[in-house]
């Protein structure tokens, strides 16, 4: 009788240890997926920053980057990030200070994978601000920076 009791206790202990192992593996997998979602969101910020600053740095004084909208285009990702979706939203605020035009781009990037109610869903969001300054209407390349 005591052998059966001992066998039942050991079986229960084994099932308990197996459930702990399964839970720990699920949490570790979600942690890795969270890091990948963060990297996807970071890549969205970097792609938007490049898209904004390339024409801003190369264009004439009065040119504005026109792609700052909700749902900015971002490149598709491969490798470890291939299953992740990235959405980038951008808002532009323009201020005039003296003869200088200051543009502030507020970028929000969201990296996600899976569907919201399921246990495999993961999402990370990052925000960044980029500001540029342009010399007034008569500004030339030789004018001092803002």
C-alpha atoms as a PDB file:
ATOM      1  CA  UNK A   1       0.000   0.000   0.000  1.00  0.00           C
ATOM      2  CA  UNK A   2       2.763   2.431   0.871  1.00  0.00           C
ATOM      3  CA  UNK A   3       4.515   1.630  -2.440  1.00  0.00           C
ATOM      4  CA  UNK A   4       1.396   2.696  -4.392  1.00  0.00           C
ATOM      5  CA  UNK A   5       1.165   5.879  -2.323  1.00  0.00           C
ATOM      6  CA  UNK A   6       4.837   6.633  -2.965  1.00  0.00           C
ATOM      7  CA  UNK A   7       4.366   5.952  -6.691  1.00  0.00           C
ATOM      8  CA  UNK A   8       1.406   8.368  -6.832  1.00  0.00           C
ATOM      9  CA  UNK A   9       3.394  11.062  -5.019  1.00  0.00           C
ATOM     10  CA  UNK A  10       6.322  10.696  -7.423  1.00  0.00           C
ATOM     11  CA  UNK A  11       3.990  10.782 -10.448  1.00  0.00           C
ATOM     12  CA  UNK A  12       2.310  13.962  -9.139  1.00  0.00           C
ATOM     13  CA  UNK A  13       5.723  15.510  -8.520  1.00  0.00           C
ATOM     14  CA  UNK A  14       6.793  14.630 -12.073  1.00  0.00           C
ATOM     15  CA  UNK A  15       3.640  16.195 -13.556  1.00  0.00           C
ATOM     16  CA  UNK A  16       4.177  19.310 -11.435  1.00  0.00           C
ATOM     17  CA  UNK A  17       7.800  19.615 -12.618  1.00  0.00           C
ATOM     18  CA  UNK A  18       6.710  19.146 -16.236  1.00  0.00           C
ATOM     19  CA  UNK A  19       4.147  21.954 -15.933  1.00  0.00           C
ATOM     20  CA  UNK A  20       6.786  24.267 -14.429  1.00  0.00           C
ATOM     21  CA  UNK A  21       9.158  23.432 -17.307  1.00  0.00           C
ATOM     22  CA  UNK A  22       6.459  24.093 -19.920  1.00  0.00           C
ATOM     23  CA  UNK A  23       5.528  27.424 -18.329  1.00  0.00           C
ATOM     24  CA  UNK A  24       9.169  28.468 -18.153  1.00  0.00           C
ATOM     25  CA  UNK A  25       9.720  27.616 -21.846  1.00  0.00           C
ATOM     26  CA  UNK A  26       6.614  29.590 -22.843  1.00  0.00           C
ATOM     27  CA  UNK A  27       7.768  32.628 -20.858  1.00  0.00           C
ATOM     28  CA  UNK A  28      11.277  32.414 -22.355  1.00  0.00           C
ATOM     29  CA  UNK A  29       9.802  32.186 -25.864  1.00  0.00           C
ATOM     30  CA  UNK A  30       7.599  35.236 -25.238  1.00  0.00           C
ATOM     31  CA  UNK A  31      10.631  37.117 -23.923  1.00  0.00           C
ATOM     32  CA  UNK A  32      12.553  36.417 -27.143  1.00  0.00           C
ATOM     33  CA  UNK A  33       9.539  37.439 -29.231  1.00  0.00           C
ATOM     34  CA  UNK A  34       9.295  40.666 -27.197  1.00  0.00           C
ATOM     35  CA  UNK A  35      12.916  41.497 -27.998  1.00  0.00           C
ATOM     36  CA  UNK A  36      12.281  40.831 -31.691  1.00  0.00           C
ATOM     37  CA  UNK A  37       9.185  43.075 -31.611  1.00  0.00           C
ATOM     38  CA  UNK A  38      11.293  45.820 -30.005  1.00  0.00           C
ATOM     39  CA  UNK A  39      13.949  45.432 -32.709  1.00  0.00           C
ATOM     40  CA  UNK A  40      11.269  45.599 -35.416  1.00  0.00           C
ATOM     41  CA  UNK A  41       9.894  48.818 -33.889  1.00  0.00           C
ATOM     42  CA  UNK A  42      13.433  50.224 -33.623  1.00  0.00           C
ATOM     43  CA  UNK A  43      14.061  49.363 -37.281  1.00  0.00           C
ATOM     44  CA  UNK A  44      10.866  51.268 -38.147  1.00  0.00           C
ATOM     45  CA  UNK A  45      12.183  54.349 -36.296  1.00  0.00           C
ATOM     46  CA  UNK A  46      15.516  54.081 -38.099  1.00  0.00           C
ATOM     47  CA  UNK A  47      13.861  53.678 -41.519  1.00  0.00           C
ATOM     48  CA  UNK A  48      11.625  56.713 -40.879  1.00  0.00           C
ATOM     49  CA  UNK A  49      14.590  58.764 -39.630  1.00  0.00           C
ATOM     50  CA  UNK A  50      16.536  57.933 -42.773  1.00  0.00           C
ATOM     51  CA  UNK A  51      13.524  58.766 -44.966  1.00  0.00           C
ATOM     52  CA  UNK A  52      13.100  62.137 -43.246  1.00  0.00           C
ATOM     53  CA  UNK A  53      16.716  63.255 -42.917  1.00  0.00           C
ATOM     54  CA  UNK A  54      17.955  62.219 -46.358  1.00  0.00           C
ATOM     55  CA  UNK A  55      15.885  64.807 -48.285  1.00  0.00           C
ATOM     56  CA  UNK A  56      16.054  67.315 -45.413  1.00  0.00           C
ATOM     57  CA  UNK A  57      19.859  67.226 -45.465  1.00  0.00           C
ATOM     58  CA  UNK A  58      20.216  67.182 -49.254  1.00  0.00           C
ATOM     59  CA  UNK A  59      17.344  69.426 -50.380  1.00  0.00           C
ATOM     60  CA  UNK A  60      17.209  73.154 -50.904  1.00  0.00           C
ATOM     61  CA  UNK A  61      16.259  75.479 -48.073  1.00  0.00           C
ATOM     62  CA  UNK A  62      12.477  75.467 -48.528  1.00  0.00           C
ATOM     63  CA  UNK A  63      11.955  71.769 -49.309  1.00  0.00           C
ATOM     64  CA  UNK A  64       9.905  69.791 -46.761  1.00  0.00           C
ATOM     65  CA  UNK A  65       9.778  66.024 -46.464  1.00  0.00           C
ATOM     66  CA  UNK A  66       6.218  65.236 -47.574  1.00  0.00           C
ATOM     67  CA  UNK A  67       6.036  61.617 -46.439  1.00  0.00           C
ATOM     68  CA  UNK A  68       5.339  62.379 -42.771  1.00  0.00           C
ATOM     69  CA  UNK A  69       1.898  60.768 -42.447  1.00  0.00           C
ATOM     70  CA  UNK A  70       0.075  58.132 -40.458  1.00  0.00           C
ATOM     71  CA  UNK A  71       1.127  54.778 -41.865  1.00  0.00           C
ATOM     72  CA  UNK A  72       4.488  55.845 -43.300  1.00  0.00           C
ATOM     73  CA  UNK A  73       6.044  53.339 -45.661  1.00  0.00           C
ATOM     74  CA  UNK A  74       8.712  51.145 -44.093  1.00  0.00           C
ATOM     75  CA  UNK A  75      10.775  48.418 -45.722  1.00  0.00           C
ATOM     76  CA  UNK A  76       9.843  44.779 -45.287  1.00  0.00           C
ATOM     77  CA  UNK A  77      12.072  42.783 -42.998  1.00  0.00           C
ATOM     78  CA  UNK A  78      13.669  39.393 -43.465  1.00  0.00           C
ATOM     79  CA  UNK A  79      15.504  36.949 -41.264  1.00  0.00           C
ATOM     80  CA  UNK A  80      14.399  36.823 -37.630  1.00  0.00           C
ATOM     81  CA  UNK A  81      12.018  39.770 -38.162  1.00  0.00           C
ATOM     82  CA  UNK A  82      10.242  38.266 -41.184  1.00  0.00           C
ATOM     83  CA  UNK A  83       7.059  37.432 -39.228  1.00  0.00           C
ATOM     84  CA  UNK A  84       6.732  40.875 -37.663  1.00  0.00           C
ATOM     85  CA  UNK A  85       4.562  43.774 -38.824  1.00  0.00           C
ATOM     86  CA  UNK A  86       5.781  47.332 -38.399  1.00  0.00           C
ATOM     87  CA  UNK A  87       3.621  50.434 -38.588  1.00  0.00           C
ATOM     88  CA  UNK A  88       5.147  53.893 -38.416  1.00  0.00           C
ATOM     89  CA  UNK A  89       3.131  57.044 -37.761  1.00  0.00           C
ATOM     90  CA  UNK A  90       4.561  60.532 -38.185  1.00  0.00           C
ATOM     91  CA  UNK A  91       3.327  63.995 -37.250  1.00  0.00           C
ATOM     92  CA  UNK A  92       4.984  67.199 -38.411  1.00  0.00           C
ATOM     93  CA  UNK A  93       4.968  70.440 -36.449  1.00  0.00           C
ATOM     94  CA  UNK A  94       6.478  73.565 -38.015  1.00  0.00           C
ATOM     95  CA  UNK A  95       7.530  76.654 -36.057  1.00  0.00           C
ATOM     96  CA  UNK A  96       9.124  79.869 -37.241  1.00  0.00           C
ATOM     97  CA  UNK A  97      11.766  81.407 -35.053  1.00  0.00           C
ATOM     98  CA  UNK A  98      13.007  84.675 -36.528  1.00  0.00           C
ATOM     99  CA  UNK A  99      13.844  83.842 -40.128  1.00  0.00           C
ATOM    100  CA  UNK A 100      14.456  80.166 -39.361  1.00  0.00           C
ATOM    101  CA  UNK A 101      11.974  77.338 -39.908  1.00  0.00           C
ATOM    102  CA  UNK A 102      12.108  74.591 -37.302  1.00  0.00           C
ATOM    103  CA  UNK A 103      10.399  71.307 -38.162  1.00  0.00           C
ATOM    104  CA  UNK A 104       9.744  68.696 -35.491  1.00  0.00           C
ATOM    105  CA  UNK A 105       8.841  65.199 -36.655  1.00  0.00           C
ATOM    106  CA  UNK A 106       7.186  63.015 -33.988  1.00  0.00           C
ATOM    107  CA  UNK A 107       7.603  59.361 -35.019  1.00  0.00           C
ATOM    108  CA  UNK A 108       5.838  56.401 -33.393  1.00  0.00           C
ATOM    109  CA  UNK A 109       6.795  52.902 -34.506  1.00  0.00           C
ATOM    110  CA  UNK A 110       4.950  49.734 -33.474  1.00  0.00           C
ATOM    111  CA  UNK A 111       6.339  46.249 -34.052  1.00  0.00           C
ATOM    112  CA  UNK A 112       3.984  43.311 -33.562  1.00  0.00           C
ATOM    113  CA  UNK A 113       3.453  39.655 -34.357  1.00  0.00           C
ATOM    114  CA  UNK A 114       0.491  37.348 -33.890  1.00  0.00           C
ATOM    115  CA  UNK A 115      -3.131  38.237 -33.220  1.00  0.00           C
ATOM    116  CA  UNK A 116      -4.254  40.173 -30.152  1.00  0.00           C
ATOM    117  CA  UNK A 117      -6.320  37.681 -28.168  1.00  0.00           C
ATOM    118  CA  UNK A 118      -3.936  34.740 -28.627  1.00  0.00           C
ATOM    119  CA  UNK A 119      -1.041  33.827 -26.355  1.00  0.00           C
ATOM    120  CA  UNK A 120       1.519  34.260 -29.165  1.00  0.00           C
ATOM    121  CA  UNK A 121       0.704  37.971 -29.620  1.00  0.00           C
ATOM    122  CA  UNK A 122       3.526  40.394 -28.840  1.00  0.00           C
ATOM    123  CA  UNK A 123       3.816  44.142 -29.472  1.00  0.00           C
ATOM    124  CA  UNK A 124       6.337  46.869 -28.680  1.00  0.00           C
ATOM    125  CA  UNK A 125       6.092  50.598 -29.405  1.00  0.00           C
ATOM    126  CA  UNK A 126       8.830  53.241 -29.593  1.00  0.00           C
ATOM    127  CA  UNK A 127       8.540  57.006 -30.069  1.00  0.00           C
ATOM    128  CA  UNK A 128      11.177  59.449 -31.265  1.00  0.00           C
ATOM    129  CA  UNK A 129      11.384  63.132 -32.146  1.00  0.00           C
ATOM    130  CA  UNK A 130      13.553  64.537 -34.906  1.00  0.00           C
ATOM    131  CA  UNK A 131      13.984  68.245 -35.440  1.00  0.00           C
ATOM    132  CA  UNK A 132      15.493  70.092 -38.361  1.00  0.00           C
ATOM    133  CA  UNK A 133      16.178  73.761 -38.804  1.00  0.00           C
ATOM    134  CA  UNK A 134      16.342  75.714 -42.034  1.00  0.00           C
ATOM    135  CA  UNK A 135      17.605  79.232 -42.579  1.00  0.00           C
ATOM    136  CA  UNK A 136      14.991  81.717 -43.870  1.00  0.00           C
ATOM    137  CA  UNK A 137      13.780  82.134 -47.451  1.00  0.00           C
ATOM    138  CA  UNK A 138      16.918  83.923 -48.601  1.00  0.00           C
ATOM    139  CA  UNK A 139      19.225  81.434 -46.930  1.00  0.00           C
ATOM    140  CA  UNK A 140      22.109  80.003 -48.868  1.00  0.00           C
ATOM    141  CA  UNK A 141      24.335  77.047 -48.220  1.00  0.00           C
ATOM    142  CA  UNK A 142      26.925  79.479 -46.847  1.00  0.00           C
ATOM    143  CA  UNK A 143      24.547  80.877 -44.213  1.00  0.00           C
ATOM    144  CA  UNK A 144      25.255  79.851 -40.624  1.00  0.00           C
ATOM    145  CA  UNK A 145      23.159  76.973 -39.287  1.00  0.00           C
ATOM    146  CA  UNK A 146      20.148  77.667 -37.079  1.00  0.00           C
END
